[in-house]
Amino acid sequence: ELGPLLCDTARVVETLCRPEQTYVCMWSHGRDARKHLHI
């Protein structure tokens, strides 16, 4: 499900914002360890 969801999300962002670039990056940092996956 992740690939199509990221593609749809990028389409929404690009359609509404018309950016020169759309960054897609993963974050899961907590203070001392991984916390929760966010893209």
PDB file of all heavy atoms in Angstrom:
ATOM      1  N   GLU A   1       0.813  -1.221   0.000  1.00  0.00           N
ATOM      2  CA  GLU A   1       0.000   0.000   0.000  1.00  0.00           C
ATOM      3  C   GLU A   1       0.844   1.268   0.000  1.00  0.00           C
ATOM      4  O   GLU A   1       0.395   2.319  -0.459  1.00  0.00           O
ATOM      5  CB  GLU A   1      -0.910   0.020   1.231  1.00  0.00           C
ATOM      6  CG  GLU A   1      -1.989  -1.040   1.200  1.00  0.00           C
ATOM      7  CD  GLU A   1      -2.766  -1.137   2.508  1.00  0.00           C
ATOM      8  OE1 GLU A   1      -2.372  -0.491   3.504  1.00  0.00           O
ATOM      9  OE2 GLU A   1      -3.774  -1.866   2.528  1.00  0.00           O
ATOM     10  N   LEU A   2       2.071   1.188   0.493  1.00  0.00           N
ATOM     11  CA  LEU A   2       2.893   2.386   0.675  1.00  0.00           C
ATOM     12  C   LEU A   2       3.238   3.088  -0.640  1.00  0.00           C
ATOM     13  O   LEU A   2       3.103   4.309  -0.744  1.00  0.00           O
ATOM     14  CB  LEU A   2       4.182   2.038   1.438  1.00  0.00           C
ATOM     15  CG  LEU A   2       5.106   3.215   1.720  1.00  0.00           C
ATOM     16  CD1 LEU A   2       4.405   4.278   2.564  1.00  0.00           C
ATOM     17  CD2 LEU A   2       6.372   2.720   2.414  1.00  0.00           C
ATOM     18  N   GLY A   3       3.680   2.348  -1.627  1.00  0.00           N
ATOM     19  CA  GLY A   3       4.077   2.959  -2.904  1.00  0.00           C
ATOM     20  C   GLY A   3       2.960   3.771  -3.534  1.00  0.00           C
ATOM     21  O   GLY A   3       3.140   4.965  -3.828  1.00  0.00           O
ATOM     22  N   PRO A   4       1.786   3.165  -3.766  1.00  0.00           N
ATOM     23  CA  PRO A   4       0.683   3.934  -4.346  1.00  0.00           C
ATOM     24  C   PRO A   4       0.250   5.117  -3.467  1.00  0.00           C
ATOM     25  O   PRO A   4      -0.078   6.189  -3.989  1.00  0.00           O
ATOM     26  CB  PRO A   4      -0.440   2.904  -4.486  1.00  0.00           C
ATOM     27  CG  PRO A   4       0.269   1.599  -4.601  1.00  0.00           C
ATOM     28  CD  PRO A   4       1.468   1.730  -3.697  1.00  0.00           C
ATOM     29  N   LEU A   5       0.280   4.946  -2.141  1.00  0.00           N
ATOM     30  CA  LEU A   5      -0.104   6.032  -1.255  1.00  0.00           C
ATOM     31  C   LEU A   5       0.879   7.197  -1.357  1.00  0.00           C
ATOM     32  O   LEU A   5       0.473   8.363  -1.419  1.00  0.00           O
ATOM     33  CB  LEU A   5      -0.200   5.546   0.187  1.00  0.00           C
ATOM     34  CG  LEU A   5      -0.528   6.618   1.234  1.00  0.00           C
ATOM     35  CD1 LEU A   5      -1.853   7.299   0.920  1.00  0.00           C
ATOM     36  CD2 LEU A   5      -0.547   6.002   2.619  1.00  0.00           C
ATOM     37  N   LEU A   6       2.168   6.901  -1.399  1.00  0.00           N
ATOM     38  CA  LEU A   6       3.162   7.968  -1.549  1.00  0.00           C
ATOM     39  C   LEU A   6       3.011   8.668  -2.899  1.00  0.00           C
ATOM     40  O   LEU A   6       3.131   9.889  -2.983  1.00  0.00           O
ATOM     41  CB  LEU A   6       4.576   7.419  -1.392  1.00  0.00           C
ATOM     42  CG  LEU A   6       4.993   7.070   0.027  1.00  0.00           C
ATOM     43  CD1 LEU A   6       6.379   6.424   0.026  1.00  0.00           C
ATOM     44  CD2 LEU A   6       4.972   8.295   0.923  1.00  0.00           C
ATOM     45  N   CYS A   7       2.738   7.901  -3.931  1.00  0.00           N
ATOM     46  CA  CYS A   7       2.534   8.481  -5.264  1.00  0.00           C
ATOM     47  C   CYS A   7       1.319   9.410  -5.258  1.00  0.00           C
ATOM     48  O   CYS A   7       1.389  10.540  -5.760  1.00  0.00           O
ATOM     49  CB  CYS A   7       2.374   7.360  -6.283  1.00  0.00           C
ATOM     50  SG  CYS A   7       2.387   7.939  -7.981  1.00  0.00           S
ATOM     51  N   ASP A   8       0.217   8.961  -4.693  1.00  0.00           N
ATOM     52  CA  ASP A   8      -0.988   9.799  -4.610  1.00  0.00           C
ATOM     53  C   ASP A   8      -0.733  11.049  -3.771  1.00  0.00           C
ATOM     54  O   ASP A   8      -1.178  12.148  -4.119  1.00  0.00           O
ATOM     55  CB  ASP A   8      -2.164   9.015  -4.014  1.00  0.00           C
ATOM     56  CG  ASP A   8      -2.706   7.953  -4.949  1.00  0.00           C
ATOM     57  OD1 ASP A   8      -2.362   7.955  -6.149  1.00  0.00           O
ATOM     58  OD2 ASP A   8      -3.480   7.102  -4.459  1.00  0.00           O
ATOM     59  N   THR A   9      -0.005  10.896  -2.677  1.00  0.00           N
ATOM     60  CA  THR A   9       0.296  12.031  -1.809  1.00  0.00           C
ATOM     61  C   THR A   9       1.155  13.055  -2.551  1.00  0.00           C
ATOM     62  O   THR A   9       0.900  14.262  -2.492  1.00  0.00           O
ATOM     63  CB  THR A   9       0.985  11.561  -0.517  1.00  0.00           C
ATOM     64  OG1 THR A   9       0.144  10.587   0.120  1.00  0.00           O
ATOM     65  CG2 THR A   9       1.236  12.717   0.435  1.00  0.00           C
ATOM     66  N   ALA A  10       2.151  12.582  -3.275  1.00  0.00           N
ATOM     67  CA  ALA A  10       2.990  13.493  -4.064  1.00  0.00           C
ATOM     68  C   ALA A  10       2.168  14.181  -5.152  1.00  0.00           C
ATOM     69  O   ALA A  10       2.368  15.374  -5.422  1.00  0.00           O
ATOM     70  CB  ALA A  10       4.164  12.729  -4.671  1.00  0.00           C
ATOM     71  N   ARG A  11       1.228  13.472  -5.749  1.00  0.00           N
ATOM     72  CA  ARG A  11       0.354  14.094  -6.760  1.00  0.00           C
ATOM     73  C   ARG A  11      -0.480  15.218  -6.144  1.00  0.00           C
ATOM     74  O   ARG A  11      -0.655  16.269  -6.747  1.00  0.00           O
ATOM     75  CB  ARG A  11      -0.567  13.048  -7.375  1.00  0.00           C
ATOM     76  CG  ARG A  11       0.101  12.156  -8.365  1.00  0.00           C
ATOM     77  CD  ARG A  11      -0.896  11.209  -9.023  1.00  0.00           C
ATOM     78  NE  ARG A  11      -0.201  10.340  -9.942  1.00  0.00           N
ATOM     79  CZ  ARG A  11      -0.195   9.010  -9.876  1.00  0.00           C
ATOM     80  NH1 ARG A  11      -0.886   8.390  -8.945  1.00  0.00           N
ATOM     81  NH2 ARG A  11       0.476   8.305 -10.755  1.00  0.00           N
ATOM     82  N   VAL A  12      -0.997  14.982  -4.956  1.00  0.00           N
ATOM     83  CA  VAL A  12      -1.788  16.008  -4.270  1.00  0.00           C
ATOM     84  C   VAL A  12      -0.916  17.230  -3.994  1.00  0.00           C
ATOM     85  O   VAL A  12      -1.296  18.365  -4.299  1.00  0.00           O
ATOM     86  CB  VAL A  12      -2.406  15.449  -2.964  1.00  0.00           C
ATOM     87  CG1 VAL A  12      -2.959  16.573  -2.095  1.00  0.00           C
ATOM     88  CG2 VAL A  12      -3.502  14.438  -3.296  1.00  0.00           C
ATOM     89  N   VAL A  13       0.255  17.010  -3.432  1.00  0.00           N
ATOM     90  CA  VAL A  13       1.169  18.109  -3.108  1.00  0.00           C
ATOM     91  C   VAL A  13       1.553  18.873  -4.377  1.00  0.00           C
ATOM     92  O   VAL A  13       1.520  20.108  -4.411  1.00  0.00           O
ATOM     93  CB  VAL A  13       2.410  17.581  -2.361  1.00  0.00           C
ATOM     94  CG1 VAL A  13       3.519  18.619  -2.298  1.00  0.00           C
ATOM     95  CG2 VAL A  13       2.019  17.118  -0.965  1.00  0.00           C
ATOM     96  N   GLU A  14       1.903  18.159  -5.426  1.00  0.00           N
ATOM     97  CA  GLU A  14       2.319  18.823  -6.663  1.00  0.00           C
ATOM     98  C   GLU A  14       1.169  19.580  -7.316  1.00  0.00           C
ATOM     99  O   GLU A  14       1.356  20.684  -7.824  1.00  0.00           O
ATOM    100  CB  GLU A  14       2.924  17.806  -7.629  1.00  0.00           C
ATOM    101  CG  GLU A  14       4.195  17.221  -7.066  1.00  0.00           C
ATOM    102  CD  GLU A  14       5.328  17.106  -8.052  1.00  0.00           C
ATOM    103  OE1 GLU A  14       5.104  17.294  -9.262  1.00  0.00           O
ATOM    104  OE2 GLU A  14       6.444  16.839  -7.594  1.00  0.00           O
ATOM    105  N   THR A  15      -0.009  19.024  -7.284  1.00  0.00           N
ATOM    106  CA  THR A  15      -1.163  19.690  -7.885  1.00  0.00           C
ATOM    107  C   THR A  15      -1.513  20.976  -7.139  1.00  0.00           C
ATOM    108  O   THR A  15      -1.783  22.006  -7.756  1.00  0.00           O
ATOM    109  CB  THR A  15      -2.384  18.745  -7.904  1.00  0.00           C
ATOM    110  OG1 THR A  15      -2.059  17.600  -8.710  1.00  0.00           O
ATOM    111  CG2 THR A  15      -3.617  19.422  -8.455  1.00  0.00           C
ATOM    112  N   LEU A  16      -1.501  20.910  -5.819  1.00  0.00           N
ATOM    113  CA  LEU A  16      -1.934  22.063  -5.026  1.00  0.00           C
ATOM    114  C   LEU A  16      -0.841  23.111  -4.830  1.00  0.00           C
ATOM    115  O   LEU A  16      -1.147  24.294  -4.687  1.00  0.00           O
ATOM    116  CB  LEU A  16      -2.448  21.600  -3.661  1.00  0.00           C
ATOM    117  CG  LEU A  16      -3.684  20.714  -3.696  1.00  0.00           C
ATOM    118  CD1 LEU A  16      -4.081  20.302  -2.285  1.00  0.00           C
ATOM    119  CD2 LEU A  16      -4.847  21.409  -4.405  1.00  0.00           C
ATOM    120  N   CYS A  17       0.415  22.706  -4.840  1.00  0.00           N
ATOM    121  CA  CYS A  17       1.507  23.635  -4.502  1.00  0.00           C
ATOM    122  C   CYS A  17       2.377  24.036  -5.693  1.00  0.00           C
ATOM    123  O   CYS A  17       3.087  25.022  -5.618  1.00  0.00           O
ATOM    124  CB  CYS A  17       2.383  23.038  -3.408  1.00  0.00           C
ATOM    125  SG  CYS A  17       1.486  22.683  -1.890  1.00  0.00           S
ATOM    126  N   ARG A  18       2.365  23.237  -6.740  1.00  0.00           N
ATOM    127  CA  ARG A  18       3.185  23.504  -7.923  1.00  0.00           C
ATOM    128  C   ARG A  18       4.658  23.783  -7.576  1.00  0.00           C
ATOM    129  O   ARG A  18       5.234  24.780  -7.988  1.00  0.00           O
ATOM    130  CB  ARG A  18       2.620  24.682  -8.716  1.00  0.00           C
ATOM    131  CG  ARG A  18       1.207  24.505  -9.179  1.00  0.00           C
ATOM    132  CD  ARG A  18       1.156  23.572 -10.342  1.00  0.00           C
ATOM    133  NE  ARG A  18      -0.212  23.508 -10.853  1.00  0.00           N
ATOM    134  CZ  ARG A  18      -0.735  22.421 -11.336  1.00  0.00           C
ATOM    135  NH1 ARG A  18      -0.031  21.326 -11.389  1.00  0.00           N
ATOM    136  NH2 ARG A  18      -1.959  22.420 -11.788  1.00  0.00           N
ATOM    137  N   PRO A  19       5.283  22.898  -6.791  1.00  0.00           N
ATOM    138  CA  PRO A  19       6.675  23.128  -6.385  1.00  0.00           C
ATOM    139  C   PRO A  19       7.659  22.807  -7.502  1.00  0.00           C
ATOM    140  O   PRO A  19       7.331  22.081  -8.446  1.00  0.00           O
ATOM    141  CB  PRO A  19       6.851  22.139  -5.228  1.00  0.00           C
ATOM    142  CG  PRO A  19       5.968  20.998  -5.619  1.00  0.00           C
ATOM    143  CD  PRO A  19       4.763  21.643  -6.266  1.00  0.00           C
ATOM    144  N   GLU A  20       8.855  23.342  -7.366  1.00  0.00           N
ATOM    145  CA  GLU A  20       9.926  22.958  -8.285  1.00  0.00           C
ATOM    146  C   GLU A  20      10.352  21.517  -7.998  1.00  0.00           C
ATOM    147  O   GLU A  20      10.744  20.792  -8.896  1.00  0.00           O
ATOM    148  CB  GLU A  20      11.135  23.898  -8.136  1.00  0.00           C
ATOM    149  CG  GLU A  20      10.940  25.251  -8.784  1.00  0.00           C
ATOM    150  CD  GLU A  20      10.103  26.213  -7.946  1.00  0.00           C
ATOM    151  OE1 GLU A  20      10.042  26.068  -6.707  1.00  0.00           O
ATOM    152  OE2 GLU A  20       9.485  27.115  -8.540  1.00  0.00           O
ATOM    153  N   GLN A  21      10.280  21.127  -6.717  1.00  0.00           N
ATOM    154  CA  GLN A  21      10.590  19.762  -6.306  1.00  0.00           C
ATOM    155  C   GLN A  21       9.664  19.349  -5.177  1.00  0.00           C
ATOM    156  O   GLN A  21       9.181  20.194  -4.422  1.00  0.00           O
ATOM    157  CB  GLN A  21      12.030  19.646  -5.786  1.00  0.00           C
ATOM    158  CG  GLN A  21      13.073  19.694  -6.847  1.00  0.00           C
ATOM    159  CD  GLN A  21      14.401  19.159  -6.322  1.00  0.00           C
ATOM    160  OE1 GLN A  21      14.454  18.295  -5.452  1.00  0.00           O
ATOM    161  NE2 GLN A  21      15.483  19.671  -6.870  1.00  0.00           N
ATOM    162  N   THR A  22       9.434  18.057  -5.096  1.00  0.00           N
ATOM    163  CA  THR A  22       8.718  17.507  -3.946  1.00  0.00           C
ATOM    164  C   THR A  22       9.649  16.510  -3.278  1.00  0.00           C
ATOM    165  O   THR A  22      10.062  15.528  -3.895  1.00  0.00           O
ATOM    166  CB  THR A  22       7.409  16.816  -4.387  1.00  0.00           C
ATOM    167  OG1 THR A  22       6.576  17.795  -4.989  1.00  0.00           O
ATOM    168  CG2 THR A  22       6.691  16.196  -3.203  1.00  0.00           C
ATOM    169  N   TYR A  23      10.000  16.807  -2.030  1.00  0.00           N
ATOM    170  CA  TYR A  23      10.856  15.902  -1.270  1.00  0.00           C
ATOM    171  C   TYR A  23       9.986  14.816  -0.656  1.00  0.00           C
ATOM    172  O   TYR A  23       8.894  15.081  -0.157  1.00  0.00           O
ATOM    173  CB  TYR A  23      11.558  16.626  -0.124  1.00  0.00           C
ATOM    174  CG  TYR A  23      12.571  17.676  -0.509  1.00  0.00           C
ATOM    175  CD1 TYR A  23      13.151  18.465   0.471  1.00  0.00           C
ATOM    176  CD2 TYR A  23      12.969  17.886  -1.822  1.00  0.00           C
ATOM    177  CE1 TYR A  23      14.093  19.433   0.161  1.00  0.00           C
ATOM    178  CE2 TYR A  23      13.909  18.849  -2.145  1.00  0.00           C
ATOM    179  CZ  TYR A  23      14.474  19.622  -1.146  1.00  0.00           C
ATOM    180  OH  TYR A  23      15.404  20.574  -1.458  1.00  0.00           O
ATOM    181  N   VAL A  24      10.484  13.600  -0.673  1.00  0.00           N
ATOM    182  CA  VAL A  24       9.853  12.479   0.019  1.00  0.00           C
ATOM    183  C   VAL A  24      10.951  11.841   0.855  1.00  0.00           C
ATOM    184  O   VAL A  24      11.927  11.317   0.314  1.00  0.00           O
ATOM    185  CB  VAL A  24       9.251  11.449  -0.968  1.00  0.00           C
ATOM    186  CG1 VAL A  24       8.638  10.274  -0.218  1.00  0.00           C
ATOM    187  CG2 VAL A  24       8.216  12.110  -1.870  1.00  0.00           C
ATOM    188  N   CYS A  25      10.814  11.956   2.175  1.00  0.00           N
ATOM    189  CA  CYS A  25      11.874  11.428   3.033  1.00  0.00           C
ATOM    190  C   CYS A  25      11.288  10.838   4.307  1.00  0.00           C
ATOM    191  O   CYS A  25      10.239  11.245   4.777  1.00  0.00           O
ATOM    192  CB  CYS A  25      12.893  12.505   3.361  1.00  0.00           C
ATOM    193  SG  CYS A  25      12.198  13.923   4.178  1.00  0.00           S
ATOM    194  N   MET A  26      12.009   9.860   4.836  1.00  0.00           N
ATOM    195  CA  MET A  26      11.568   9.142   6.023  1.00  0.00           C
ATOM    196  C   MET A  26      12.189   9.740   7.271  1.00  0.00           C
ATOM    197  O   MET A  26      13.365  10.108   7.279  1.00  0.00           O
ATOM    198  CB  MET A  26      11.979   7.675   5.915  1.00  0.00           C
ATOM    199  CG  MET A  26      11.437   6.839   7.038  1.00  0.00           C
ATOM    200  SD  MET A  26      12.349   5.308   7.236  1.00  0.00           S
ATOM    201  CE  MET A  26      13.764   5.876   8.128  1.00  0.00           C
ATOM    202  N   TRP A  27      11.385   9.811   8.323  1.00  0.00           N
ATOM    203  CA  TRP A  27      11.842  10.256   9.637  1.00  0.00           C
ATOM    204  C   TRP A  27      11.299   9.270  10.663  1.00  0.00           C
ATOM    205  O   TRP A  27      10.136   8.902  10.599  1.00  0.00           O
ATOM    206  CB  TRP A  27      11.284  11.632   9.967  1.00  0.00           C
ATOM    207  CG  TRP A  27      11.659  12.716   9.022  1.00  0.00           C
ATOM    208  CD1 TRP A  27      11.166  12.904   7.763  1.00  0.00           C
ATOM    209  CD2 TRP A  27      12.590  13.761   9.235  1.00  0.00           C
ATOM    210  NE1 TRP A  27      11.732  14.005   7.191  1.00  0.00           N
ATOM    211  CE2 TRP A  27      12.612  14.554   8.082  1.00  0.00           C
ATOM    212  CE3 TRP A  27      13.407  14.108  10.303  1.00  0.00           C
ATOM    213  CZ2 TRP A  27      13.427  15.674   7.964  1.00  0.00           C
ATOM    214  CZ3 TRP A  27      14.211  15.229  10.176  1.00  0.00           C
ATOM    215  CH2 TRP A  27      14.219  15.990   9.018  1.00  0.00           C
ATOM    216  N   SER A  28      12.122   8.856  11.599  1.00  0.00           N
ATOM    217  CA  SER A  28      11.615   8.040  12.707  1.00  0.00           C
ATOM    218  C   SER A  28      12.401   8.308  13.983  1.00  0.00           C
ATOM    219  O   SER A  28      12.416   7.500  14.897  1.00  0.00           O
ATOM    220  CB  SER A  28      11.646   6.544  12.360  1.00  0.00           C
ATOM    221  OG  SER A  28      12.970   6.088  12.229  1.00  0.00           O
ATOM    222  N   HIS A  29      13.081   9.439  14.029  1.00  0.00           N
ATOM    223  CA  HIS A  29      13.930   9.749  15.176  1.00  0.00           C
ATOM    224  C   HIS A  29      13.129  10.010  16.438  1.00  0.00           C
ATOM    225  O   HIS A  29      12.134  10.715  16.425  1.00  0.00           O
ATOM    226  CB  HIS A  29      14.785  10.987  14.896  1.00  0.00           C
ATOM    227  CG  HIS A  29      15.841  10.743  13.889  1.00  0.00           C
ATOM    228  ND1 HIS A  29      15.765  11.258  12.618  1.00  0.00           N
ATOM    229  CD2 HIS A  29      16.982  10.032  13.940  1.00  0.00           C
ATOM    230  CE1 HIS A  29      16.829  10.884  11.937  1.00  0.00           C
ATOM    231  NE2 HIS A  29      17.581  10.139  12.711  1.00  0.00           N
ATOM    232  N   GLY A  30      13.593   9.423  17.494  1.00  0.00           N
ATOM    233  CA  GLY A  30      13.165   9.778  18.831  1.00  0.00           C
ATOM    234  C   GLY A  30      14.387  10.366  19.519  1.00  0.00           C
ATOM    235  O   GLY A  30      15.430  10.565  18.884  1.00  0.00           O
ATOM    236  N   ARG A  31      14.293  10.602  20.781  1.00  0.00           N
ATOM    237  CA  ARG A  31      15.441  11.186  21.497  1.00  0.00           C
ATOM    238  C   ARG A  31      16.650  10.258  21.455  1.00  0.00           C
ATOM    239  O   ARG A  31      17.742  10.669  21.111  1.00  0.00           O
ATOM    240  CB  ARG A  31      15.053  11.485  22.937  1.00  0.00           C
ATOM    241  CG  ARG A  31      16.210  12.058  23.745  1.00  0.00           C
ATOM    242  CD  ARG A  31      15.712  12.683  24.969  1.00  0.00           C
ATOM    243  NE  ARG A  31      14.957  13.850  24.537  1.00  0.00           N
ATOM    244  CZ  ARG A  31      14.952  14.999  25.134  1.00  0.00           C
ATOM    245  NH1 ARG A  31      15.616  15.151  26.237  1.00  0.00           N
ATOM    246  NH2 ARG A  31      14.263  16.008  24.675  1.00  0.00           N
ATOM    247  N   ASP A  32      16.455   9.002  21.827  1.00  0.00           N
ATOM    248  CA  ASP A  32      17.582   8.073  21.904  1.00  0.00           C
ATOM    249  C   ASP A  32      17.429   6.855  20.992  1.00  0.00           C
ATOM    250  O   ASP A  32      18.337   6.035  20.926  1.00  0.00           O
ATOM    251  CB  ASP A  32      17.746   7.575  23.350  1.00  0.00           C
ATOM    252  CG  ASP A  32      18.059   8.721  24.301  1.00  0.00           C
ATOM    253  OD1 ASP A  32      18.869   9.587  23.930  1.00  0.00           O
ATOM    254  OD2 ASP A  32      17.475   8.754  25.396  1.00  0.00           O
ATOM    255  N   ALA A  33      16.297   6.715  20.372  1.00  0.00           N
ATOM    256  CA  ALA A  33      16.052   5.538  19.534  1.00  0.00           C
ATOM    257  C   ALA A  33      14.975   5.884  18.514  1.00  0.00           C
ATOM    258  O   ALA A  33      14.349   6.940  18.577  1.00  0.00           O
ATOM    259  CB  ALA A  33      15.592   4.369  20.401  1.00  0.00           C
ATOM    260  N   ARG A  34      14.753   4.964  17.609  1.00  0.00           N
ATOM    261  CA  ARG A  34      13.669   5.153  16.643  1.00  0.00           C
ATOM    262  C   ARG A  34      12.360   5.262  17.407  1.00  0.00           C
ATOM    263  O   ARG A  34      12.149   4.589  18.406  1.00  0.00           O
ATOM    264  CB  ARG A  34      13.586   3.967  15.691  1.00  0.00           C
ATOM    265  CG  ARG A  34      14.790   3.828  14.800  1.00  0.00           C
ATOM    266  CD  ARG A  34      14.647   2.571  13.977  1.00  0.00           C
ATOM    267  NE  ARG A  34      15.819   2.361  13.142  1.00  0.00           N
ATOM    268  CZ  ARG A  34      15.931   1.332  12.314  1.00  0.00           C
ATOM    269  NH1 ARG A  34      14.968   0.447  12.207  1.00  0.00           N
ATOM    270  NH2 ARG A  34      17.006   1.200  11.588  1.00  0.00           N
ATOM    271  N   LYS A  35      11.468   6.113  16.888  1.00  0.00           N
ATOM    272  CA  LYS A  35      10.221   6.356  17.606  1.00  0.00           C
ATOM    273  C   LYS A  35       9.009   5.841  16.831  1.00  0.00           C
ATOM    274  O   LYS A  35       8.294   4.976  17.300  1.00  0.00           O
ATOM    275  CB  LYS A  35      10.091   7.852  17.883  1.00  0.00           C
ATOM    276  CG  LYS A  35       8.939   8.196  18.767  1.00  0.00           C
ATOM    277  CD  LYS A  35       8.963   9.666  19.120  1.00  0.00           C
ATOM    278  CE  LYS A  35       7.779   9.997  20.001  1.00  0.00           C
ATOM    279  NZ  LYS A  35       7.789  11.381  20.411  1.00  0.00           N
ATOM    280  N   HIS A  36       8.742   6.381  15.661  1.00  0.00           N
ATOM    281  CA  HIS A  36       7.613   5.952  14.832  1.00  0.00           C
ATOM    282  C   HIS A  36       7.904   6.407  13.409  1.00  0.00           C
ATOM    283  O   HIS A  36       8.435   7.493  13.204  1.00  0.00           O
ATOM    284  CB  HIS A  36       6.302   6.566  15.325  1.00  0.00           C
ATOM    285  CG  HIS A  36       5.093   6.027  14.621  1.00  0.00           C
ATOM    286  ND1 HIS A  36       4.554   4.803  14.927  1.00  0.00           N
ATOM    287  CD2 HIS A  36       4.352   6.534  13.613  1.00  0.00           C
ATOM    288  CE1 HIS A  36       3.504   4.587  14.133  1.00  0.00           C
ATOM    289  NE2 HIS A  36       3.371   5.623  13.330  1.00  0.00           N
ATOM    290  N   LEU A  37       7.562   5.585  12.445  1.00  0.00           N
ATOM    291  CA  LEU A  37       7.828   5.881  11.050  1.00  0.00           C
ATOM    292  C   LEU A  37       6.926   7.009  10.553  1.00  0.00           C
ATOM    293  O   LEU A  37       5.701   6.946  10.701  1.00  0.00           O
ATOM    294  CB  LEU A  37       7.591   4.625  10.206  1.00  0.00           C
ATOM    295  CG  LEU A  37       7.767   4.778   8.697  1.00  0.00           C
ATOM    296  CD1 LEU A  37       9.216   5.099   8.366  1.00  0.00           C
ATOM    297  CD2 LEU A  37       7.335   3.492   7.993  1.00  0.00           C
ATOM    298  N   HIS A  38       7.555   8.045  10.004  1.00  0.00           N
ATOM    299  CA  HIS A  38       6.846   9.140   9.349  1.00  0.00           C
ATOM    300  C   HIS A  38       7.544   9.401   8.020  1.00  0.00           C
ATOM    301  O   HIS A  38       8.776   9.439   7.974  1.00  0.00           O
ATOM    302  CB  HIS A  38       6.923  10.438  10.171  1.00  0.00           C
ATOM    303  CG  HIS A  38       6.246  10.347  11.489  1.00  0.00           C
ATOM    304  ND1 HIS A  38       6.917   9.978  12.637  1.00  0.00           N
ATOM    305  CD2 HIS A  38       4.968  10.578  11.849  1.00  0.00           C
ATOM    306  CE1 HIS A  38       6.077   9.990  13.648  1.00  0.00           C
ATOM    307  NE2 HIS A  38       4.882  10.342  13.195  1.00  0.00           N
ATOM    308  N   ILE A  39       6.780   9.587   6.976  1.00  0.00           N
ATOM    309  CA  ILE A  39       7.351   9.926   5.685  1.00  0.00           C
ATOM    310  C   ILE A  39       6.797  11.298   5.302  1.00  0.00           C
ATOM    311  O   ILE A  39       5.583  11.468   5.148  1.00  0.00           O
ATOM    312  CB  ILE A  39       7.029   8.873   4.621  1.00  0.00           C
ATOM    313  CG1 ILE A  39       7.583   7.516   5.077  1.00  0.00           C
ATOM    314  CG2 ILE A  39       7.592   9.279   3.267  1.00  0.00           C
ATOM    315  CD1 ILE A  39       7.152   6.343   4.239  1.00  0.00           C
TER     316      ILE A  39
END
